[in-house]
Amino acid sequence: MKVKLFWKNAPVVHGDKNARAFEDEINAWLSEHPRITIIDIRQSTSGETFGSWFVSVWYEDGGAEPLYGLLKSTHVPSTGTDS
């Protein structure tokens, strides 16, 4: 398993301008790695008034098909009964 870390200092100082750039950075990295399997995504903040944002993406390399294909193929239909 591998991890990719993203962070942004003072993401809300200029309204959502920095937050959008942070989202764009994460989305660009995900788009550049379509064959990874995401295991977990974690987010945390530090400092007063969200001084810094951290996002960790835990993943495995070399999936047999892109993530969107895995999501489609792993769908399990409901049996109609709740446990």
N, C-alpha and C. Protein backbone atom coordinates (compact mmCIF):
# COMPACT_ATOMS: atom_id res chain seq x y z
N MET A 1 0.84 -1.17 0.00
CA MET A 1 0.00 0.00 0.00
C MET A 1 0.89 1.24 0.00
N LYS A 2 0.42 2.28 -0.66
CA LYS A 2 1.15 3.55 -0.75
C LYS A 2 0.24 4.67 -0.26
N VAL A 3 0.84 5.82 -0.02
CA VAL A 3 0.06 6.99 0.40
C VAL A 3 0.55 8.21 -0.37
N LYS A 4 -0.38 9.04 -0.77
CA LYS A 4 -0.09 10.33 -1.40
C LYS A 4 -0.63 11.40 -0.46
N LEU A 5 0.23 12.35 -0.07
CA LEU A 5 -0.16 13.42 0.83
C LEU A 5 -0.35 14.72 0.08
N PHE A 6 -1.40 15.42 0.42
CA PHE A 6 -1.68 16.75 -0.11
C PHE A 6 -1.86 17.68 1.08
N TRP A 7 -1.40 18.92 0.98
CA TRP A 7 -1.66 19.89 2.04
C TRP A 7 -1.72 21.29 1.45
N LYS A 8 -2.44 22.12 2.15
CA LYS A 8 -2.60 23.52 1.73
C LYS A 8 -2.60 24.35 3.00
N ASN A 9 -1.73 25.36 3.05
CA ASN A 9 -1.70 26.28 4.19
C ASN A 9 -2.70 27.40 3.97
N ALA A 10 -3.40 27.76 5.02
CA ALA A 10 -4.38 28.86 5.00
C ALA A 10 -5.36 28.74 3.84
N PRO A 11 -6.08 27.64 3.71
CA PRO A 11 -6.94 27.43 2.55
C PRO A 11 -8.15 28.35 2.47
N VAL A 12 -8.55 28.97 3.57
CA VAL A 12 -9.74 29.82 3.51
C VAL A 12 -9.43 31.29 3.71
N VAL A 13 -8.15 31.66 3.61
CA VAL A 13 -7.78 33.06 3.78
C VAL A 13 -8.42 33.93 2.71
N HIS A 14 -8.50 33.46 1.50
CA HIS A 14 -9.06 34.24 0.38
C HIS A 14 -10.38 33.63 -0.08
N GLY A 15 -11.26 33.37 0.85
CA GLY A 15 -12.52 32.74 0.48
C GLY A 15 -12.26 31.31 0.03
N ASP A 16 -13.02 30.86 -0.95
CA ASP A 16 -12.83 29.48 -1.40
C ASP A 16 -11.82 29.36 -2.53
N LYS A 17 -11.12 30.44 -2.86
CA LYS A 17 -10.13 30.42 -3.95
C LYS A 17 -9.07 29.34 -3.72
N ASN A 18 -8.48 29.29 -2.52
CA ASN A 18 -7.47 28.28 -2.23
C ASN A 18 -8.07 26.90 -2.11
N ALA A 19 -9.28 26.82 -1.57
CA ALA A 19 -9.93 25.51 -1.44
C ALA A 19 -10.17 24.90 -2.82
N ARG A 20 -10.59 25.71 -3.76
CA ARG A 20 -10.81 25.19 -5.13
C ARG A 20 -9.51 24.74 -5.76
N ALA A 21 -8.44 25.48 -5.54
CA ALA A 21 -7.13 25.08 -6.08
C ALA A 21 -6.68 23.76 -5.46
N PHE A 22 -6.99 23.57 -4.18
CA PHE A 22 -6.65 22.33 -3.48
C PHE A 22 -7.43 21.16 -4.07
N GLU A 23 -8.71 21.36 -4.29
CA GLU A 23 -9.53 20.33 -4.94
C GLU A 23 -9.00 20.00 -6.32
N ASP A 24 -8.65 21.03 -7.09
CA ASP A 24 -8.11 20.83 -8.44
C ASP A 24 -6.82 20.01 -8.41
N GLU A 25 -5.96 20.29 -7.42
CA GLU A 25 -4.70 19.55 -7.30
C GLU A 25 -4.96 18.06 -7.03
N ILE A 26 -5.86 17.78 -6.11
CA ILE A 26 -6.18 16.38 -5.79
C ILE A 26 -6.83 15.69 -6.98
N ASN A 27 -7.81 16.35 -7.60
CA ASN A 27 -8.50 15.76 -8.75
C ASN A 27 -7.55 15.53 -9.92
N ALA A 28 -6.60 16.44 -10.12
CA ALA A 28 -5.63 16.27 -11.22
C ALA A 28 -4.77 15.03 -10.96
N TRP A 29 -4.30 14.85 -9.72
CA TRP A 29 -3.49 13.68 -9.40
C TRP A 29 -4.29 12.40 -9.60
N LEU A 30 -5.54 12.39 -9.15
CA LEU A 30 -6.38 11.20 -9.34
C LEU A 30 -6.58 10.91 -10.83
N SER A 31 -6.77 11.94 -11.64
CA SER A 31 -6.96 11.76 -13.08
C SER A 31 -5.70 11.20 -13.75
N GLU A 32 -4.54 11.58 -13.23
CA GLU A 32 -3.26 11.11 -13.78
C GLU A 32 -2.95 9.66 -13.38
N HIS A 33 -3.71 9.10 -12.44
CA HIS A 33 -3.47 7.74 -11.95
C HIS A 33 -4.76 6.93 -12.00
N PRO A 34 -5.28 6.68 -13.19
CA PRO A 34 -6.59 6.01 -13.30
C PRO A 34 -6.58 4.54 -12.91
N ARG A 35 -5.41 3.93 -12.78
CA ARG A 35 -5.37 2.48 -12.49
C ARG A 35 -5.05 2.16 -11.04
N ILE A 36 -5.14 3.16 -10.17
CA ILE A 36 -4.93 2.87 -8.75
C ILE A 36 -6.24 2.41 -8.12
N THR A 37 -6.10 1.68 -7.04
CA THR A 37 -7.25 1.29 -6.24
C THR A 37 -7.16 2.07 -4.94
N ILE A 38 -8.13 2.93 -4.70
CA ILE A 38 -8.13 3.73 -3.49
C ILE A 38 -8.63 2.88 -2.33
N ILE A 39 -7.84 2.83 -1.28
CA ILE A 39 -8.18 2.08 -0.09
C ILE A 39 -8.89 2.97 0.92
N ASP A 40 -8.38 4.19 1.10
CA ASP A 40 -8.94 5.11 2.09
C ASP A 40 -8.50 6.53 1.77
N ILE A 41 -9.31 7.49 2.17
CA ILE A 41 -8.97 8.90 2.06
C ILE A 41 -9.25 9.52 3.41
N ARG A 42 -8.27 10.24 3.94
CA ARG A 42 -8.40 10.89 5.25
C ARG A 42 -8.13 12.38 5.10
N GLN A 43 -8.81 13.17 5.92
CA GLN A 43 -8.64 14.62 5.90
C GLN A 43 -8.49 15.10 7.33
N SER A 44 -7.62 16.09 7.54
CA SER A 44 -7.49 16.70 8.85
C SER A 44 -7.09 18.16 8.69
N THR A 45 -7.24 18.91 9.77
CA THR A 45 -6.86 20.32 9.78
C THR A 45 -5.97 20.57 10.98
N SER A 46 -5.22 21.65 10.92
CA SER A 46 -4.43 22.05 12.08
C SER A 46 -4.40 23.57 12.15
N GLY A 47 -4.17 24.07 13.33
CA GLY A 47 -4.11 25.51 13.52
C GLY A 47 -5.48 26.12 13.70
N GLU A 48 -5.49 27.36 14.11
CA GLU A 48 -6.75 28.07 14.30
C GLU A 48 -7.35 28.45 12.96
N THR A 49 -8.65 28.43 12.90
CA THR A 49 -9.40 28.77 11.69
C THR A 49 -8.88 28.02 10.47
N PHE A 50 -8.68 26.72 10.64
CA PHE A 50 -8.24 25.87 9.54
C PHE A 50 -6.93 26.36 8.94
N GLY A 51 -5.92 26.55 9.77
CA GLY A 51 -4.61 27.03 9.32
C GLY A 51 -4.02 26.21 8.20
N SER A 52 -4.15 24.90 8.26
CA SER A 52 -3.66 24.01 7.21
C SER A 52 -4.63 22.85 7.03
N TRP A 53 -4.75 22.41 5.81
CA TRP A 53 -5.56 21.23 5.50
C TRP A 53 -4.63 20.14 5.00
N PHE A 54 -4.88 18.92 5.43
CA PHE A 54 -4.12 17.76 4.99
C PHE A 54 -5.08 16.70 4.48
N VAL A 55 -4.72 16.08 3.36
CA VAL A 55 -5.49 14.97 2.82
C VAL A 55 -4.50 13.87 2.48
N SER A 56 -4.80 12.66 2.94
CA SER A 56 -3.97 11.51 2.57
C SER A 56 -4.83 10.54 1.77
N VAL A 57 -4.29 10.09 0.66
CA VAL A 57 -4.96 9.11 -0.20
C VAL A 57 -4.15 7.82 -0.10
N TRP A 58 -4.74 6.80 0.50
CA TRP A 58 -4.10 5.49 0.64
C TRP A 58 -4.55 4.64 -0.54
N TYR A 59 -3.58 4.05 -1.26
CA TYR A 59 -3.93 3.36 -2.50
C TYR A 59 -2.98 2.22 -2.80
N GLU A 60 -3.38 1.41 -3.76
CA GLU A 60 -2.53 0.36 -4.31
C GLU A 60 -2.36 0.60 -5.79
N ASP A 61 -1.17 0.32 -6.30
CA ASP A 61 -0.86 0.51 -7.73
C ASP A 61 -1.38 -0.62 -8.59
N GLY A 62 -1.47 -0.32 -9.88
CA GLY A 62 -1.62 -1.35 -10.89
C GLY A 62 -2.90 -2.12 -10.92
N GLY A 63 -4.00 -1.47 -10.68
CA GLY A 63 -5.28 -2.17 -10.82
C GLY A 63 -5.45 -2.68 -12.23
N ALA A 64 -6.23 -3.70 -12.40
CA ALA A 64 -6.45 -4.31 -13.72
C ALA A 64 -7.26 -3.40 -14.62
N GLU A 65 -8.03 -2.50 -14.02
CA GLU A 65 -8.83 -1.58 -14.81
C GLU A 65 -8.94 -0.27 -14.05
N PRO A 66 -9.31 0.82 -14.72
CA PRO A 66 -9.43 2.11 -14.04
C PRO A 66 -10.42 2.04 -12.89
N LEU A 67 -10.26 2.96 -11.93
CA LEU A 67 -11.10 3.00 -10.75
C LEU A 67 -12.59 3.02 -11.10
N TYR A 68 -12.98 3.83 -12.09
CA TYR A 68 -14.40 3.91 -12.41
C TYR A 68 -14.93 2.56 -12.89
N GLY A 69 -14.10 1.77 -13.54
CA GLY A 69 -14.52 0.43 -13.96
C GLY A 69 -14.66 -0.50 -12.78
N LEU A 70 -13.77 -0.36 -11.80
CA LEU A 70 -13.85 -1.19 -10.60
C LEU A 70 -15.12 -0.90 -9.82
N LEU A 71 -15.48 0.37 -9.75
CA LEU A 71 -16.69 0.73 -9.01
C LEU A 71 -17.92 0.12 -9.66
N LYS A 72 -17.95 0.13 -10.97
CA LYS A 72 -19.09 -0.46 -11.68
C LYS A 72 -19.13 -1.97 -11.48
N SER A 73 -17.97 -2.63 -11.54
CA SER A 73 -17.95 -4.08 -11.51
C SER A 73 -18.12 -4.65 -10.11
N THR A 74 -17.93 -3.84 -9.06
CA THR A 74 -18.06 -4.37 -7.71
C THR A 74 -19.42 -4.09 -7.10
N HIS A 75 -20.34 -3.56 -7.86
CA HIS A 75 -21.68 -3.30 -7.34
C HIS A 75 -22.40 -4.62 -7.07
N VAL A 76 -22.90 -4.75 -5.87
CA VAL A 76 -23.64 -5.94 -5.49
C VAL A 76 -25.09 -5.52 -5.29
N PRO A 77 -26.00 -6.07 -6.08
CA PRO A 77 -27.39 -5.67 -5.95
C PRO A 77 -27.96 -6.09 -4.58
N SER A 78 -28.89 -5.32 -4.12
CA SER A 78 -29.54 -5.60 -2.84
C SER A 78 -30.38 -6.84 -2.94
N THR A 79 -30.41 -7.61 -1.85
CA THR A 79 -31.24 -8.81 -1.83
C THR A 79 -32.65 -8.51 -1.34
N GLY A 80 -32.83 -7.26 -0.88
CA GLY A 80 -34.15 -6.86 -0.41
C GLY A 80 -34.39 -7.19 1.05
N THR A 81 -33.39 -7.77 1.71
CA THR A 81 -33.53 -8.08 3.13
C THR A 81 -32.43 -7.36 3.89
N ASP A 82 -32.77 -6.82 5.03
CA ASP A 82 -31.79 -6.15 5.87
C ASP A 82 -31.36 -7.06 6.98
N SER A 83 -30.08 -7.07 7.30
CA SER A 83 -29.57 -7.91 8.39
C SER A 83 -29.62 -7.17 9.69
